[in-house]
């Protein structure tokens, strides 16, 4: 059974529609969140044109990004359900482990880590 094309079926499926939240972050500390109505039974890959239009982002930009639902990456053939939160993930510029190591090296061992804040006059490690 073929799934309906989400972009074309939005106008015709008002009675059988679901609402999902879409989150997109074009840059650090900036998040766009929009509710989007889609036909029931729509797959994630089929919904991408409607999601791009709702966010005002080029379709090619969204197809190049990883996508997930509620923080978990998922395939584009997954059927969407009402109330789900669809998230688009930008690629990382720096590996988090490398960034943490560089911060530790620049701060030094005395001002970072578990024992950085000590009570005045306390023994080391307390």
PDB file of N, CA and C in Angstrom:
ATOM      1  N   UNK A   1       0.849  -1.178   0.000  1.00  0.00           N
ATOM      2  CA  UNK A   1       0.000   0.000   0.000  1.00  0.00           C
ATOM      3  C   UNK A   1       0.891   1.236   0.000  1.00  0.00           C
ATOM      4  N   UNK A   2       0.678   2.139  -0.932  1.00  0.00           N
ATOM      5  CA  UNK A   2       1.496   3.346  -1.037  1.00  0.00           C
ATOM      6  C   UNK A   2       1.036   4.382  -0.032  1.00  0.00           C
ATOM      7  N   UNK A   3       1.996   5.078   0.548  1.00  0.00           N
ATOM      8  CA  UNK A   3       1.693   6.130   1.513  1.00  0.00           C
ATOM      9  C   UNK A   3       1.330   7.404   0.758  1.00  0.00           C
ATOM     10  N   UNK A   4       0.465   8.262   1.306  1.00  0.00           N
ATOM     11  CA  UNK A   4       0.079   9.479   0.617  1.00  0.00           C
ATOM     12  C   UNK A   4       1.241  10.473   0.589  1.00  0.00           C
ATOM     13  N   UNK A   5       1.291  11.285  -0.470  1.00  0.00           N
ATOM     14  CA  UNK A   5       2.286  12.349  -0.565  1.00  0.00           C
ATOM     15  C   UNK A   5       1.853  13.454   0.383  1.00  0.00           C
ATOM     16  N   UNK A   6       2.667  13.754   1.383  1.00  0.00           N
ATOM     17  CA  UNK A   6       2.272  14.672   2.454  1.00  0.00           C
ATOM     18  C   UNK A   6       2.041  16.093   1.952  1.00  0.00           C
ATOM     19  N   UNK A   7       2.892  16.590   1.079  1.00  0.00           N
ATOM     20  CA  UNK A   7       2.756  17.968   0.620  1.00  0.00           C
ATOM     21  C   UNK A   7       1.440  18.171  -0.126  1.00  0.00           C
ATOM     22  N   UNK A   8       1.038  17.202  -0.947  1.00  0.00           N
ATOM     23  CA  UNK A   8      -0.186  17.334  -1.722  1.00  0.00           C
ATOM     24  C   UNK A   8      -1.434  17.023  -0.904  1.00  0.00           C
ATOM     25  N   UNK A   9      -1.294  16.175   0.093  1.00  0.00           N
ATOM     26  CA  UNK A   9      -2.464  15.715   0.825  1.00  0.00           C
ATOM     27  C   UNK A   9      -2.835  16.584   2.021  1.00  0.00           C
ATOM     28  N   UNK A  10      -2.028  17.585   2.340  1.00  0.00           N
ATOM     29  CA  UNK A  10      -2.317  18.412   3.512  1.00  0.00           C
ATOM     30  C   UNK A  10      -3.670  19.101   3.384  1.00  0.00           C
ATOM     31  N   UNK A  11      -3.953  19.671   2.226  1.00  0.00           N
ATOM     32  CA  UNK A  11      -5.210  20.382   2.030  1.00  0.00           C
ATOM     33  C   UNK A  11      -6.411  19.443   2.067  1.00  0.00           C
ATOM     34  N   UNK A  12      -6.235  18.197   1.647  1.00  0.00           N
ATOM     35  CA  UNK A  12      -7.347  17.256   1.558  1.00  0.00           C
ATOM     36  C   UNK A  12      -7.539  16.420   2.813  1.00  0.00           C
ATOM     37  N   UNK A  13      -6.621  16.486   3.745  1.00  0.00           N
ATOM     38  CA  UNK A  13      -6.684  15.602   4.901  1.00  0.00           C
ATOM     39  C   UNK A  13      -6.946  16.354   6.198  1.00  0.00           C
ATOM     40  N   UNK A  14      -7.738  17.389   6.155  1.00  0.00           N
ATOM     41  CA  UNK A  14      -8.018  18.162   7.370  1.00  0.00           C
ATOM     42  C   UNK A  14      -8.700  17.307   8.431  1.00  0.00           C
ATOM     43  N   UNK A  15      -9.576  16.385   8.011  1.00  0.00           N
ATOM     44  CA  UNK A  15     -10.284  15.572   8.984  1.00  0.00           C
ATOM     45  C   UNK A  15      -9.388  14.492   9.584  1.00  0.00           C
ATOM     46  N   UNK A  16      -8.433  13.985   8.821  1.00  0.00           N
ATOM     47  CA  UNK A  16      -7.525  12.954   9.294  1.00  0.00           C
ATOM     48  C   UNK A  16      -6.106  13.497   9.314  1.00  0.00           C
ATOM     49  N   UNK A  17      -5.861  14.447  10.192  1.00  0.00           N
ATOM     50  CA  UNK A  17      -4.523  15.023  10.244  1.00  0.00           C
ATOM     51  C   UNK A  17      -3.949  14.905  11.651  1.00  0.00           C
ATOM     52  N   UNK A  18      -2.641  14.985  11.719  1.00  0.00           N
ATOM     53  CA  UNK A  18      -1.936  14.961  12.991  1.00  0.00           C
ATOM     54  C   UNK A  18      -1.110  16.242  13.096  1.00  0.00           C
ATOM     55  N   UNK A  19      -0.795  16.618  14.306  1.00  0.00           N
ATOM     56  CA  UNK A  19       0.050  17.783  14.530  1.00  0.00           C
ATOM     57  C   UNK A  19       1.347  17.316  15.175  1.00  0.00           C
ATOM     58  N   UNK A  20       2.467  17.734  14.585  1.00  0.00           N
ATOM     59  CA  UNK A  20       3.784  17.429  15.125  1.00  0.00           C
ATOM     60  C   UNK A  20       4.521  18.744  15.350  1.00  0.00           C
ATOM     61  N   UNK A  21       5.469  18.740  16.268  1.00  0.00           N
ATOM     62  CA  UNK A  21       6.328  19.898  16.485  1.00  0.00           C
ATOM     63  C   UNK A  21       7.634  19.663  15.751  1.00  0.00           C
ATOM     64  N   UNK A  22       8.125  20.711  15.081  1.00  0.00           N
ATOM     65  CA  UNK A  22       9.363  20.620  14.321  1.00  0.00           C
ATOM     66  C   UNK A  22      10.357  21.597  14.917  1.00  0.00           C
ATOM     67  N   UNK A  23      11.575  21.108  15.219  1.00  0.00           N
ATOM     68  CA  UNK A  23      12.628  21.946  15.765  1.00  0.00           C
ATOM     69  C   UNK A  23      13.808  21.962  14.813  1.00  0.00           C
ATOM     70  N   UNK A  24      14.345  23.169  14.593  1.00  0.00           N
ATOM     71  CA  UNK A  24      15.483  23.356  13.707  1.00  0.00           C
ATOM     72  C   UNK A  24      16.367  24.432  14.308  1.00  0.00           C
ATOM     73  N   UNK A  25      17.658  24.184  14.331  1.00  0.00           N
ATOM     74  CA  UNK A  25      18.603  25.148  14.880  1.00  0.00           C
ATOM     75  C   UNK A  25      19.580  25.564  13.792  1.00  0.00           C
ATOM     76  N   UNK A  26      19.422  26.783  13.256  1.00  0.00           N
ATOM     77  CA  UNK A  26      20.357  27.234  12.216  1.00  0.00           C
ATOM     78  C   UNK A  26      21.735  27.563  12.755  1.00  0.00           C
ATOM     79  N   UNK A  27      21.858  27.813  14.050  1.00  0.00           N
ATOM     80  CA  UNK A  27      23.146  28.152  14.640  1.00  0.00           C
ATOM     81  C   UNK A  27      23.121  27.931  16.137  1.00  0.00           C
ATOM     82  N   UNK A  28      24.260  28.158  16.799  1.00  0.00           N
ATOM     83  CA  UNK A  28      24.311  27.960  18.247  1.00  0.00           C
ATOM     84  C   UNK A  28      23.337  28.872  18.987  1.00  0.00           C
ATOM     85  N   UNK A  29      22.656  28.332  19.971  1.00  0.00           N
ATOM     86  CA  UNK A  29      21.724  29.041  20.852  1.00  0.00           C
ATOM     87  C   UNK A  29      20.532  29.673  20.114  1.00  0.00           C
ATOM     88  N   UNK A  30      20.216  29.170  18.933  1.00  0.00           N
ATOM     89  CA  UNK A  30      19.059  29.643  18.173  1.00  0.00           C
ATOM     90  C   UNK A  30      18.235  28.419  17.792  1.00  0.00           C
ATOM     91  N   UNK A  31      16.972  28.391  18.206  1.00  0.00           N
ATOM     92  CA  UNK A  31      16.108  27.256  17.896  1.00  0.00           C
ATOM     93  C   UNK A  31      14.780  27.778  17.356  1.00  0.00           C
ATOM     94  N   UNK A  32      14.369  27.227  16.227  1.00  0.00           N
ATOM     95  CA  UNK A  32      13.055  27.531  15.669  1.00  0.00           C
ATOM     96  C   UNK A  32      12.153  26.334  15.948  1.00  0.00           C
ATOM     97  N   UNK A  33      10.983  26.601  16.495  1.00  0.00           N
ATOM     98  CA  UNK A  33      10.024  25.529  16.783  1.00  0.00           C
ATOM     99  C   UNK A  33       8.687  25.902  16.171  1.00  0.00           C
ATOM    100  N   UNK A  34       8.104  24.991  15.400  1.00  0.00           N
ATOM    101  CA  UNK A  34       6.832  25.248  14.745  1.00  0.00           C
ATOM    102  C   UNK A  34       5.942  24.005  14.835  1.00  0.00           C
ATOM    103  N   UNK A  35       4.651  24.196  15.103  1.00  0.00           N
ATOM    104  CA  UNK A  35       3.715  23.071  14.963  1.00  0.00           C
ATOM    105  C   UNK A  35       3.321  22.937  13.488  1.00  0.00           C
ATOM    106  N   UNK A  36       3.251  21.712  13.009  1.00  0.00           N
ATOM    107  CA  UNK A  36       2.929  21.464  11.601  1.00  0.00           C
ATOM    108  C   UNK A  36       1.849  20.400  11.538  1.00  0.00           C
ATOM    109  N   UNK A  37       0.837  20.635  10.703  1.00  0.00           N
ATOM    110  CA  UNK A  37      -0.222  19.649  10.480  1.00  0.00           C
ATOM    111  C   UNK A  37       0.140  18.808   9.268  1.00  0.00           C
ATOM    112  N   UNK A  38       0.056  17.492   9.444  1.00  0.00           N
ATOM    113  CA  UNK A  38       0.359  16.533   8.387  1.00  0.00           C
ATOM    114  C   UNK A  38      -0.757  15.510   8.320  1.00  0.00           C
ATOM    115  N   UNK A  39      -0.933  14.867   7.163  1.00  0.00           N
ATOM    116  CA  UNK A  39      -1.944  13.808   7.077  1.00  0.00           C
ATOM    117  C   UNK A  39      -1.553  12.600   7.930  1.00  0.00           C
ATOM    118  N   UNK A  40      -2.532  11.943   8.470  1.00  0.00           N
ATOM    119  CA  UNK A  40      -2.278  10.738   9.268  1.00  0.00           C
ATOM    120  C   UNK A  40      -1.663   9.671   8.373  1.00  0.00           C
ATOM    121  N   UNK A  41      -0.690   8.940   8.900  1.00  0.00           N
ATOM    122  CA  UNK A  41      -0.032   7.881   8.135  1.00  0.00           C
ATOM    123  C   UNK A  41       1.121   8.366   7.288  1.00  0.00           C
ATOM    124  N   UNK A  42       1.513   9.603   7.433  1.00  0.00           N
ATOM    125  CA  UNK A  42       2.594  10.185   6.639  1.00  0.00           C
ATOM    126  C   UNK A  42       3.943   9.704   7.171  1.00  0.00           C
ATOM    127  N   UNK A  43       4.852   9.378   6.263  1.00  0.00           N
ATOM    128  CA  UNK A  43       6.203   8.996   6.655  1.00  0.00           C
ATOM    129  C   UNK A  43       7.071  10.237   6.798  1.00  0.00           C
ATOM    130  N   UNK A  44       8.140  10.104   7.573  1.00  0.00           N
ATOM    131  CA  UNK A  44       9.033  11.224   7.829  1.00  0.00           C
ATOM    132  C   UNK A  44       9.655  11.758   6.537  1.00  0.00           C
ATOM    133  N   UNK A  45      10.107  10.890   5.674  1.00  0.00           N
ATOM    134  CA  UNK A  45      10.708  11.322   4.411  1.00  0.00           C
ATOM    135  C   UNK A  45       9.726  12.052   3.507  1.00  0.00           C
ATOM    136  N   UNK A  46       8.462  11.637   3.533  1.00  0.00           N
ATOM    137  CA  UNK A  46       7.433  12.287   2.734  1.00  0.00           C
ATOM    138  C   UNK A  46       7.059  13.651   3.301  1.00  0.00           C
ATOM    139  N   UNK A  47       7.245  13.839   4.592  1.00  0.00           N
ATOM    140  CA  UNK A  47       6.865  15.091   5.236  1.00  0.00           C
ATOM    141  C   UNK A  47       7.928  16.179   5.104  1.00  0.00           C
ATOM    142  N   UNK A  48       9.130  15.841   4.663  1.00  0.00           N
ATOM    143  CA  UNK A  48      10.213  16.821   4.605  1.00  0.00           C
ATOM    144  C   UNK A  48       9.880  18.086   3.812  1.00  0.00           C
ATOM    145  N   UNK A  49       9.233  18.009   2.639  1.00  0.00           N
ATOM    146  CA  UNK A  49       8.901  19.260   1.940  1.00  0.00           C
ATOM    147  C   UNK A  49       7.976  20.170   2.749  1.00  0.00           C
ATOM    148  N   UNK A  50       6.988  19.591   3.423  1.00  0.00           N
ATOM    149  CA  UNK A  50       6.072  20.396   4.238  1.00  0.00           C
ATOM    150  C   UNK A  50       6.802  20.985   5.448  1.00  0.00           C
ATOM    151  N   UNK A  51       7.726  20.233   6.033  1.00  0.00           N
ATOM    152  CA  UNK A  51       8.484  20.729   7.176  1.00  0.00           C
ATOM    153  C   UNK A  51       9.419  21.859   6.766  1.00  0.00           C
ATOM    154  N   UNK A  52      10.056  21.713   5.607  1.00  0.00           N
ATOM    155  CA  UNK A  52      10.940  22.768   5.105  1.00  0.00           C
ATOM    156  C   UNK A  52      10.152  24.046   4.840  1.00  0.00           C
ATOM    157  N   UNK A  53       8.966  23.914   4.296  1.00  0.00           N
ATOM    158  CA  UNK A  53       8.127  25.078   4.023  1.00  0.00           C
ATOM    159  C   UNK A  53       7.693  25.749   5.326  1.00  0.00           C
ATOM    160  N   UNK A  54       7.339  24.968   6.327  1.00  0.00           N
ATOM    161  CA  UNK A  54       6.904  25.535   7.610  1.00  0.00           C
ATOM    162  C   UNK A  54       8.034  26.276   8.314  1.00  0.00           C
ATOM    163  N   UNK A  55       9.255  25.769   8.185  1.00  0.00           N
ATOM    164  CA  UNK A  55      10.404  26.402   8.832  1.00  0.00           C
ATOM    165  C   UNK A  55      11.000  27.530   8.008  1.00  0.00           C
ATOM    166  N   UNK A  56      10.664  27.598   6.725  1.00  0.00           N
ATOM    167  CA  UNK A  56      11.248  28.605   5.851  1.00  0.00           C
ATOM    168  C   UNK A  56      12.700  28.300   5.519  1.00  0.00           C
ATOM    169  N   UNK A  57      13.016  27.018   5.429  1.00  0.00           N
ATOM    170  CA  UNK A  57      14.374  26.556   5.159  1.00  0.00           C
ATOM    171  C   UNK A  57      14.362  25.837   3.817  1.00  0.00           C
ATOM    172  N   UNK A  58      15.429  25.970   3.010  1.00  0.00           N
ATOM    173  CA  UNK A  58      15.464  25.224   1.753  1.00  0.00           C
ATOM    174  C   UNK A  58      15.376  23.714   1.987  1.00  0.00           C
ATOM    175  N   UNK A  59      14.663  23.050   1.102  1.00  0.00           N
ATOM    176  CA  UNK A  59      14.460  21.604   1.199  1.00  0.00           C
ATOM    177  C   UNK A  59      15.793  20.860   1.205  1.00  0.00           C
ATOM    178  N   UNK A  60      16.743  21.302   0.379  1.00  0.00           N
ATOM    179  CA  UNK A  60      18.048  20.643   0.294  1.00  0.00           C
ATOM    180  C   UNK A  60      18.800  20.712   1.623  1.00  0.00           C
ATOM    181  N   UNK A  61      18.604  21.783   2.367  1.00  0.00           N
ATOM    182  CA  UNK A  61      19.267  21.916   3.668  1.00  0.00           C
ATOM    183  C   UNK A  61      18.773  20.846   4.628  1.00  0.00           C
ATOM    184  N   UNK A  62      17.472  20.619   4.675  1.00  0.00           N
ATOM    185  CA  UNK A  62      16.916  19.627   5.600  1.00  0.00           C
ATOM    186  C   UNK A  62      17.251  18.194   5.187  1.00  0.00           C
ATOM    187  N   UNK A  63      17.281  17.921   3.892  1.00  0.00           N
ATOM    188  CA  UNK A  63      17.580  16.550   3.463  1.00  0.00           C
ATOM    189  C   UNK A  63      19.031  16.183   3.749  1.00  0.00           C
ATOM    190  N   UNK A  64      19.922  17.172   3.847  1.00  0.00           N
ATOM    191  CA  UNK A  64      21.332  16.896   4.127  1.00  0.00           C
ATOM    192  C   UNK A  64      21.585  16.663   5.621  1.00  0.00           C
ATOM    193  N   UNK A  65      20.636  17.021   6.473  1.00  0.00           N
ATOM    194  CA  UNK A  65      20.820  16.905   7.922  1.00  0.00           C
ATOM    195  C   UNK A  65      20.284  15.575   8.440  1.00  0.00           C
ATOM    196  N   UNK A  66      20.838  15.151   9.598  1.00  0.00           N
ATOM    197  CA  UNK A  66      20.277  13.991  10.291  1.00  0.00           C
ATOM    198  C   UNK A  66      18.973  14.423  10.949  1.00  0.00           C
ATOM    199  N   UNK A  67      18.054  13.496  11.065  1.00  0.00           N
ATOM    200  CA  UNK A  67      16.748  13.809  11.647  1.00  0.00           C
ATOM    201  C   UNK A  67      16.411  12.767  12.704  1.00  0.00           C
ATOM    202  N   UNK A  68      15.706  13.220  13.732  1.00  0.00           N
ATOM    203  CA  UNK A  68      15.314  12.317  14.796  1.00  0.00           C
ATOM    204  C   UNK A  68      13.991  12.729  15.407  1.00  0.00           C
ATOM    205  N   UNK A  69      13.477  11.876  16.249  1.00  0.00           N
ATOM    206  CA  UNK A  69      12.229  12.141  16.953  1.00  0.00           C
ATOM    207  C   UNK A  69      12.502  11.971  18.442  1.00  0.00           C
ATOM    208  N   UNK A  70      12.224  13.017  19.198  1.00  0.00           N
ATOM    209  CA  UNK A  70      12.456  13.038  20.639  1.00  0.00           C
ATOM    210  C   UNK A  70      13.894  12.665  20.991  1.00  0.00           C
ATOM    211  N   UNK A  71      14.864  13.178  20.246  1.00  0.00           N
ATOM    212  CA  UNK A  71      16.272  12.979  20.572  1.00  0.00           C
ATOM    213  C   UNK A  71      16.879  11.685  20.074  1.00  0.00           C
ATOM    214  N   UNK A  72      16.131  10.863  19.364  1.00  0.00           N
ATOM    215  CA  UNK A  72      16.653   9.609  18.830  1.00  0.00           C
ATOM    216  C   UNK A  72      16.609   9.648  17.310  1.00  0.00           C
ATOM    217  N   UNK A  73      17.738   9.385  16.683  1.00  0.00           N
ATOM    218  CA  UNK A  73      17.760   9.348  15.222  1.00  0.00           C
ATOM    219  C   UNK A  73      16.859   8.235  14.728  1.00  0.00           C
ATOM    220  N   UNK A  74      16.200   8.494  13.601  1.00  0.00           N
ATOM    221  CA  UNK A  74      15.297   7.484  13.069  1.00  0.00           C
ATOM    222  C   UNK A  74      15.339   7.513  11.546  1.00  0.00           C
ATOM    223  N   UNK A  75      14.952   6.412  10.899  1.00  0.00           N
ATOM    224  CA  UNK A  75      14.955   6.357   9.434  1.00  0.00           C
ATOM    225  C   UNK A  75      13.826   7.198   8.850  1.00  0.00           C
ATOM    226  N   UNK A  76      13.984   7.556   7.590  1.00  0.00           N
ATOM    227  CA  UNK A  76      13.005   8.427   6.945  1.00  0.00           C
ATOM    228  C   UNK A  76      11.739   7.684   6.517  1.00  0.00           C
ATOM    229  N   UNK A  77      11.720   6.364   6.663  1.00  0.00           N
ATOM    230  CA  UNK A  77      10.502   5.628   6.325  1.00  0.00           C
ATOM    231  C   UNK A  77       9.617   5.381   7.553  1.00  0.00           C
ATOM    232  N   UNK A  78       9.938   6.007   8.668  1.00  0.00           N
ATOM    233  CA  UNK A  78       9.150   5.858   9.893  1.00  0.00           C
ATOM    234  C   UNK A  78       7.841   6.635   9.767  1.00  0.00           C
ATOM    235  N   UNK A  79       6.746   6.036  10.164  1.00  0.00           N
ATOM    236  CA  UNK A  79       5.432   6.680  10.117  1.00  0.00           C
ATOM    237  C   UNK A  79       5.299   7.606  11.325  1.00  0.00           C
ATOM    238  N   UNK A  80       4.882   8.840  11.082  1.00  0.00           N
ATOM    239  CA  UNK A  80       4.762   9.841  12.140  1.00  0.00           C
ATOM    240  C   UNK A  80       3.460   9.669  12.908  1.00  0.00           C
ATOM    241  N   UNK A  81       3.517  10.022  14.189  1.00  0.00           N
ATOM    242  CA  UNK A  81       2.341   9.963  15.047  1.00  0.00           C
ATOM    243  C   UNK A  81       2.075  11.344  15.623  1.00  0.00           C
ATOM    244  N   UNK A  82       0.863  11.568  16.059  1.00  0.00           N
ATOM    245  CA  UNK A  82       0.474  12.870  16.604  1.00  0.00           C
ATOM    246  C   UNK A  82       1.277  13.187  17.864  1.00  0.00           C
ATOM    247  N   UNK A  83       1.692  14.443  17.997  1.00  0.00           N
ATOM    248  CA  UNK A  83       2.379  14.912  19.188  1.00  0.00           C
ATOM    249  C   UNK A  83       3.871  14.662  19.217  1.00  0.00           C
ATOM    250  N   UNK A  84       4.434  14.096  18.168  1.00  0.00           N
ATOM    251  CA  UNK A  84       5.866  13.830  18.161  1.00  0.00           C
ATOM    252  C   UNK A  84       6.656  15.115  17.900  1.00  0.00           C
ATOM    253  N   UNK A  85       7.906  15.111  18.356  1.00  0.00           N
ATOM    254  CA  UNK A  85       8.789  16.259  18.152  1.00  0.00           C
ATOM    255  C   UNK A  85       9.887  15.834  17.186  1.00  0.00           C
ATOM    256  N   UNK A  86       9.881  16.410  15.996  1.00  0.00           N
ATOM    257  CA  UNK A  86      10.861  16.101  14.963  1.00  0.00           C
ATOM    258  C   UNK A  86      11.996  17.107  15.083  1.00  0.00           C
ATOM    259  N   UNK A  87      13.226  16.601  15.150  1.00  0.00           N
ATOM    260  CA  UNK A  87      14.389  17.453  15.344  1.00  0.00           C
ATOM    261  C   UNK A  87      15.383  17.239  14.210  1.00  0.00           C
ATOM    262  N   UNK A  88      15.987  18.324  13.742  1.00  0.00           N
ATOM    263  CA  UNK A  88      17.032  18.255  12.727  1.00  0.00           C
ATOM    264  C   UNK A  88      18.362  18.563  13.395  1.00  0.00           C
ATOM    265  N   UNK A  89      19.373  17.736  13.128  1.00  0.00           N
ATOM    266  CA  UNK A  89      20.654  17.828  13.810  1.00  0.00           C
ATOM    267  C   UNK A  89      21.733  18.349  12.861  1.00  0.00           C
ATOM    268  N   UNK A  90      22.387  19.446  13.277  1.00  0.00           N
ATOM    269  CA  UNK A  90      23.518  19.974  12.524  1.00  0.00           C
ATOM    270  C   UNK A  90      24.727  19.080  12.766  1.00  0.00           C
ATOM    271  N   UNK A  91      25.653  18.998  11.803  1.00  0.00           N
ATOM    272  CA  UNK A  91      26.873  18.221  12.048  1.00  0.00           C
ATOM    273  C   UNK A  91      27.758  18.920  13.076  1.00  0.00           C
ATOM    274  N   UNK A  92      28.483  18.146  13.864  1.00  0.00           N
ATOM    275  CA  UNK A  92      29.384  18.707  14.860  1.00  0.00           C
ATOM    276  C   UNK A  92      30.617  19.278  14.168  1.00  0.00           C
ATOM    277  N   UNK A  93      31.072  20.438  14.648  1.00  0.00           N
ATOM    278  CA  UNK A  93      32.291  21.040  14.090  1.00  0.00           C
ATOM    279  C   UNK A  93      33.539  20.495  14.778  1.00  0.00           C
ATOM    280  N   UNK A  94      33.406  20.142  16.051  1.00  0.00           N
ATOM    281  CA  UNK A  94      34.521  19.620  16.828  1.00  0.00           C
ATOM    282  C   UNK A  94      34.031  18.411  17.607  1.00  0.00           C
ATOM    283  N   UNK A  95      34.863  17.392  17.687  1.00  0.00           N
ATOM    284  CA  UNK A  95      34.539  16.222  18.485  1.00  0.00           C
ATOM    285  C   UNK A  95      34.469  16.641  19.957  1.00  0.00           C
ATOM    286  N   UNK A  96      33.381  16.329  20.676  1.00  0.00           N
ATOM    287  CA  UNK A  96      33.248  16.758  22.077  1.00  0.00           C
ATOM    288  C   UNK A  96      34.395  16.299  22.971  1.00  0.00           C
ATOM    289  N   UNK A  97      34.952  15.116  22.704  1.00  0.00           N
ATOM    290  CA  UNK A  97      36.069  14.637  23.518  1.00  0.00           C
ATOM    291  C   UNK A  97      37.311  15.501  23.304  1.00  0.00           C
ATOM    292  N   UNK A  98      37.561  15.888  22.072  1.00  0.00           N
ATOM    293  CA  UNK A  98      38.711  16.744  21.768  1.00  0.00           C
ATOM    294  C   UNK A  98      38.512  18.119  22.402  1.00  0.00           C
ATOM    295  N   UNK A  99      37.313  18.679  22.326  1.00  0.00           N
ATOM    296  CA  UNK A  99      37.048  19.990  22.908  1.00  0.00           C
ATOM    297  C   UNK A  99      37.247  19.964  24.424  1.00  0.00           C
ATOM    298  N   UNK A 100      36.785  18.916  25.092  1.00  0.00           N
ATOM    299  CA  UNK A 100      36.953  18.807  26.539  1.00  0.00           C
ATOM    300  C   UNK A 100      38.433  18.704  26.898  1.00  0.00           C
ATOM    301  N   UNK A 101      39.187  17.919  26.132  1.00  0.00           N
ATOM    302  CA  UNK A 101      40.622  17.782  26.384  1.00  0.00           C
ATOM    303  C   UNK A 101      41.335  19.126  26.218  1.00  0.00           C
ATOM    304  N   UNK A 102      40.983  19.877  25.177  1.00  0.00           N
ATOM    305  CA  UNK A 102      41.616  21.182  24.950  1.00  0.00           C
ATOM    306  C   UNK A 102      41.270  22.171  26.066  1.00  0.00           C
ATOM    307  N   UNK A 103      40.033  22.143  26.568  1.00  0.00           N
ATOM    308  CA  UNK A 103      39.671  23.011  27.693  1.00  0.00           C
ATOM    309  C   UNK A 103      40.469  22.651  28.939  1.00  0.00           C
ATOM    310  N   UNK A 104      40.625  21.374  29.188  1.00  0.00           N
ATOM    311  CA  UNK A 104      41.362  20.930  30.360  1.00  0.00           C
ATOM    312  C   UNK A 104      42.828  21.361  30.271  1.00  0.00           C
ATOM    313  N   UNK A 105      43.430  21.222  29.092  1.00  0.00           N
ATOM    314  CA  UNK A 105      44.833  21.610  28.902  1.00  0.00           C
ATOM    315  C   UNK A 105      44.999  23.110  29.106  1.00  0.00           C
ATOM    316  N   UNK A 106      44.064  23.908  28.592  1.00  0.00           N
ATOM    317  CA  UNK A 106      44.207  25.360  28.715  1.00  0.00           C
ATOM    318  C   UNK A 106      43.955  25.856  30.137  1.00  0.00           C
ATOM    319  N   UNK A 107      43.068  25.184  30.892  1.00  0.00           N
ATOM    320  CA  UNK A 107      42.769  25.612  32.252  1.00  0.00           C
ATOM    321  C   UNK A 107      43.787  25.087  33.252  1.00  0.00           C
ATOM    322  N   UNK A 108      44.375  23.967  32.978  1.00  0.00           N
ATOM    323  CA  UNK A 108      45.303  23.358  33.918  1.00  0.00           C
ATOM    324  C   UNK A 108      44.571  22.469  34.899  1.00  0.00           C
ATOM    325  N   UNK A 109      45.302  21.589  35.551  1.00  0.00           N
ATOM    326  CA  UNK A 109      44.703  20.618  36.456  1.00  0.00           C
ATOM    327  C   UNK A 109      44.189  21.247  37.749  1.00  0.00           C
ATOM    328  N   UNK A 110      44.756  22.371  38.173  1.00  0.00           N
ATOM    329  CA  UNK A 110      44.364  22.947  39.458  1.00  0.00           C
ATOM    330  C   UNK A 110      43.007  23.642  39.425  1.00  0.00           C
ATOM    331  N   UNK A 111      42.610  24.151  38.272  1.00  0.00           N
ATOM    332  CA  UNK A 111      41.344  24.886  38.225  1.00  0.00           C
ATOM    333  C   UNK A 111      40.222  24.093  37.568  1.00  0.00           C
ATOM    334  N   UNK A 112      40.467  22.832  37.248  1.00  0.00           N
ATOM    335  CA  UNK A 112      39.438  22.029  36.601  1.00  0.00           C
ATOM    336  C   UNK A 112      39.313  20.686  37.312  1.00  0.00           C
ATOM    337  N   UNK A 113      38.198  20.072  37.146  1.00  0.00           N
ATOM    338  CA  UNK A 113      38.021  18.728  37.671  1.00  0.00           C
ATOM    339  C   UNK A 113      37.252  18.681  38.973  1.00  0.00           C
ATOM    340  N   UNK A 114      37.257  17.516  39.588  1.00  0.00           N
ATOM    341  CA  UNK A 114      36.455  17.236  40.768  1.00  0.00           C
ATOM    342  C   UNK A 114      36.864  18.069  41.976  1.00  0.00           C
ATOM    343  N   UNK A 115      38.157  18.317  42.152  1.00  0.00           N
ATOM    344  CA  UNK A 115      38.640  18.981  43.353  1.00  0.00           C
ATOM    345  C   UNK A 115      39.009  20.446  43.098  1.00  0.00           C
ATOM    346  N   UNK A 116      38.423  21.081  42.120  1.00  0.00           N
ATOM    347  CA  UNK A 116      38.766  22.459  41.795  1.00  0.00           C
ATOM    348  C   UNK A 116      38.312  23.417  42.887  1.00  0.00           C
ATOM    349  N   UNK A 117      37.151  23.183  43.495  1.00  0.00           N
ATOM    350  CA  UNK A 117      36.630  24.073  44.537  1.00  0.00           C
ATOM    351  C   UNK A 117      36.797  23.402  45.887  1.00  0.00           C
ATOM    352  N   UNK A 118      37.741  23.908  46.680  1.00  0.00           N
ATOM    353  CA  UNK A 118      37.993  23.339  48.005  1.00  0.00           C
ATOM    354  C   UNK A 118      37.628  24.364  49.066  1.00  0.00           C
ATOM    355  N   UNK A 119      37.304  23.860  50.230  1.00  0.00           N
ATOM    356  CA  UNK A 119      37.104  24.756  51.368  1.00  0.00           C
ATOM    357  C   UNK A 119      38.446  25.343  51.756  1.00  0.00           C
ATOM    358  N   UNK A 120      38.470  26.576  52.216  1.00  0.00           N
ATOM    359  CA  UNK A 120      39.753  27.136  52.659  1.00  0.00           C
ATOM    360  C   UNK A 120      40.318  26.329  53.827  1.00  0.00           C
ATOM    361  N   UNK A 121      41.585  25.941  53.733  1.00  0.00           N
ATOM    362  CA  UNK A 121      42.252  25.194  54.777  1.00  0.00           C
ATOM    363  C   UNK A 121      41.980  23.698  54.756  1.00  0.00           C
ATOM    364  N   UNK A 122      41.234  23.199  53.777  1.00  0.00           N
ATOM    365  CA  UNK A 122      40.919  21.780  53.716  1.00  0.00           C
ATOM    366  C   UNK A 122      42.070  20.996  53.127  1.00  0.00           C
ATOM    367  N   UNK A 123      42.099  19.682  53.429  1.00  0.00           N
ATOM    368  CA  UNK A 123      43.120  18.794  52.859  1.00  0.00           C
ATOM    369  C   UNK A 123      42.818  18.578  51.387  1.00  0.00           C
ATOM    370  N   UNK A 124      43.805  18.164  50.643  1.00  0.00           N
ATOM    371  CA  UNK A 124      43.629  17.889  49.228  1.00  0.00           C
ATOM    372  C   UNK A 124      42.609  16.778  49.040  1.00  0.00           C
ATOM    373  N   UNK A 125      41.654  16.966  48.142  1.00  0.00           N
ATOM    374  CA  UNK A 125      40.653  15.958  47.870  1.00  0.00           C
ATOM    375  C   UNK A 125      39.407  16.059  48.726  1.00  0.00           C
ATOM    376  N   UNK A 126      39.334  17.074  49.601  1.00  0.00           N
ATOM    377  CA  UNK A 126      38.149  17.215  50.457  1.00  0.00           C
ATOM    378  C   UNK A 126      37.472  18.529  50.228  1.00  0.00           C
TER     379      UNK A 126
END
